Amino acid sequence: MFKNGIIVMASMVLLFPGCSGKHEGLILGEMTKKMLPELKEEARSKKPVFVAGQKCLHKAKTVKEANACNAMMTRMNPDFDDIGDFDTWGPEELKKVDEMANTYITFYDCLLAAKNISQAVECDEPEGY
């Protein structure tokens, strides 16, 4: 998602002859000005959804309550509309959700702390969720 787009743009710098040294710095500077604010905005909009969802799911005692948390997350941000309902709910499911939420929250914190596109590329984008 984030990182793949950044890597493609950074790769373009390497593919075009003459884009080294001063030119590379200019291109990376432009990428920082254009892409970093978009990455940070997305992180600002998604991190609170994960935090709220995680908090809600810690209170959930039943499948119905856990699924209500998923619905709340989708209402907060329509990008989360692909969250499926739980078939079961208990400590194992909560552990998996916690791991995923913490991974994304850490990723978004990293993006929000990035001062330039090179730092944003170093953020470990979650995979496999």
Protein backbone atom coordinates (compact mmCIF):
# COMPACT_ATOMS: atom_id res chain seq x y z
CA MET A 1 0.00 0.00 0.00
CA PHE A 2 2.16 2.88 1.24
CA LYS A 3 5.60 1.43 0.87
CA ASN A 4 5.05 -0.09 -2.57
CA GLY A 5 4.09 3.27 -4.05
CA ILE A 6 7.07 4.94 -2.46
CA ILE A 7 9.44 2.23 -3.67
CA VAL A 8 8.12 2.59 -7.23
CA MET A 9 8.69 6.33 -7.13
CA ALA A 10 12.15 5.95 -5.61
CA SER A 11 13.02 3.33 -8.24
CA MET A 12 12.21 5.84 -10.96
CA VAL A 13 15.03 7.98 -9.62
CA LEU A 14 17.43 5.11 -10.23
CA LEU A 15 16.11 4.23 -13.68
CA PHE A 16 16.57 7.61 -15.30
CA PRO A 17 20.14 8.48 -16.28
CA GLY A 18 21.38 11.73 -14.84
CA CYS A 19 19.11 11.49 -11.80
CA SER A 20 21.89 11.19 -9.30
CA GLY A 21 23.50 13.47 -6.81
CA LYS A 22 21.81 16.86 -6.84
CA HIS A 23 18.97 15.68 -9.09
CA GLU A 24 18.21 12.68 -6.90
CA GLY A 25 18.00 14.97 -3.88
CA LEU A 26 15.61 17.26 -5.75
CA ILE A 27 13.37 14.37 -6.76
CA LEU A 28 13.33 12.95 -3.23
CA GLY A 29 12.58 16.44 -1.92
CA GLU A 30 9.63 16.73 -4.31
CA MET A 31 8.42 13.26 -3.34
CA THR A 32 8.58 14.31 0.32
CA LYS A 33 6.55 17.45 -0.37
CA LYS A 34 3.91 15.63 -2.40
CA MET A 35 3.65 12.14 -0.93
CA LEU A 36 4.54 12.49 2.73
CA PRO A 37 1.54 14.71 3.59
CA GLU A 38 -0.78 12.17 1.92
CA LEU A 39 0.79 9.29 3.83
CA LYS A 40 0.50 11.19 7.10
CA GLU A 41 -3.11 12.13 6.43
CA GLU A 42 -4.02 8.51 5.82
CA ALA A 43 -2.17 7.48 9.00
CA ARG A 44 -4.01 10.20 10.96
CA SER A 45 -7.35 8.95 9.68
CA LYS A 46 -6.72 5.23 10.22
CA LYS A 47 -4.78 5.06 13.48
CA PRO A 48 -7.73 6.25 15.64
CA VAL A 49 -9.93 3.58 14.05
CA PHE A 50 -7.52 0.84 15.11
CA VAL A 51 -7.21 2.33 18.60
CA ALA A 52 -10.99 2.60 19.04
CA GLY A 53 -11.59 -0.86 17.56
CA GLN A 54 -8.99 -2.43 19.81
CA LYS A 55 -10.46 -0.72 22.88
CA CYS A 56 -13.97 -1.84 21.91
CA LEU A 57 -12.90 -5.42 21.26
CA HIS A 58 -11.24 -5.62 24.69
CA LYS A 59 -14.68 -4.99 26.19
CA ALA A 60 -16.50 -7.44 23.91
CA LYS A 61 -17.70 -10.60 25.63
CA THR A 62 -19.72 -12.13 22.80
CA VAL A 63 -19.50 -12.58 19.03
CA LYS A 64 -22.33 -10.07 18.64
CA GLU A 65 -20.42 -7.45 20.67
CA ALA A 66 -17.20 -8.10 18.73
CA ASN A 67 -19.03 -7.72 15.42
CA ALA A 68 -20.57 -4.48 16.68
CA CYS A 69 -17.00 -3.21 17.18
CA ASN A 70 -16.21 -4.06 13.55
CA ALA A 71 -19.31 -2.16 12.43
CA MET A 72 -18.22 0.84 14.53
CA MET A 73 -14.81 0.80 12.83
CA THR A 74 -16.47 0.82 9.40
CA ARG A 75 -18.65 3.77 10.44
CA MET A 76 -15.55 5.64 11.59
CA ASN A 77 -13.75 5.05 8.30
CA PRO A 78 -15.41 3.44 5.25
CA ASP A 79 -12.00 2.07 4.17
CA PHE A 80 -12.58 -0.60 6.82
CA ASP A 81 -15.66 -1.98 5.05
CA ASP A 82 -13.83 -5.22 4.24
CA ILE A 83 -13.65 -6.27 7.89
CA GLY A 84 -15.46 -9.55 8.14
CA ASP A 85 -17.64 -10.64 11.00
CA PHE A 86 -16.29 -12.94 13.66
CA ASP A 87 -17.67 -16.49 13.76
CA THR A 88 -16.27 -17.00 17.24
CA TRP A 89 -14.98 -14.64 19.90
CA GLY A 90 -12.67 -15.33 22.80
CA PRO A 91 -9.12 -14.90 24.09
CA GLU A 92 -7.51 -16.42 20.97
CA GLU A 93 -9.33 -14.06 18.61
CA LEU A 94 -8.55 -11.09 20.86
CA LYS A 95 -4.86 -12.03 20.87
CA LYS A 96 -4.78 -12.10 17.05
CA VAL A 97 -6.65 -8.80 16.79
CA ASP A 98 -4.32 -7.19 19.33
CA GLU A 99 -1.28 -8.30 17.37
CA MET A 100 -2.69 -6.90 14.14
CA ALA A 101 -3.88 -3.63 15.70
CA ASN A 102 -0.57 -3.05 17.48
CA THR A 103 1.33 -3.70 14.24
CA TYR A 104 -0.75 -1.14 12.35
CA ILE A 105 -0.62 1.41 15.17
CA THR A 106 3.18 1.11 15.26
CA PHE A 107 3.29 1.53 11.46
CA TYR A 108 1.09 4.64 11.58
CA ASP A 109 3.16 6.11 14.43
CA CYS A 110 6.28 5.59 12.32
CA LEU A 111 4.71 7.36 9.33
CA LEU A 112 3.55 10.23 11.49
CA ALA A 113 7.07 10.65 12.90
CA ALA A 114 8.74 10.56 9.46
CA LYS A 115 10.31 13.86 8.49
CA ASN A 116 10.93 12.86 4.87
CA ILE A 117 10.02 10.19 2.37
CA SER A 118 13.20 8.21 3.06
CA GLN A 119 12.18 7.81 6.71
CA ALA A 120 8.63 6.82 5.67
CA VAL A 121 10.02 4.07 3.44
CA GLU A 122 11.79 2.61 6.48
CA CYS A 123 8.48 2.11 8.32
CA ASP A 124 7.57 -1.57 8.42
CA GLU A 125 4.30 -1.86 6.52
CA PRO A 126 2.10 -4.62 7.96
CA GLU A 127 1.75 -7.69 5.77
CA GLY A 128 -0.42 -10.74 5.91
CA TYR A 129 -3.45 -9.27 7.64
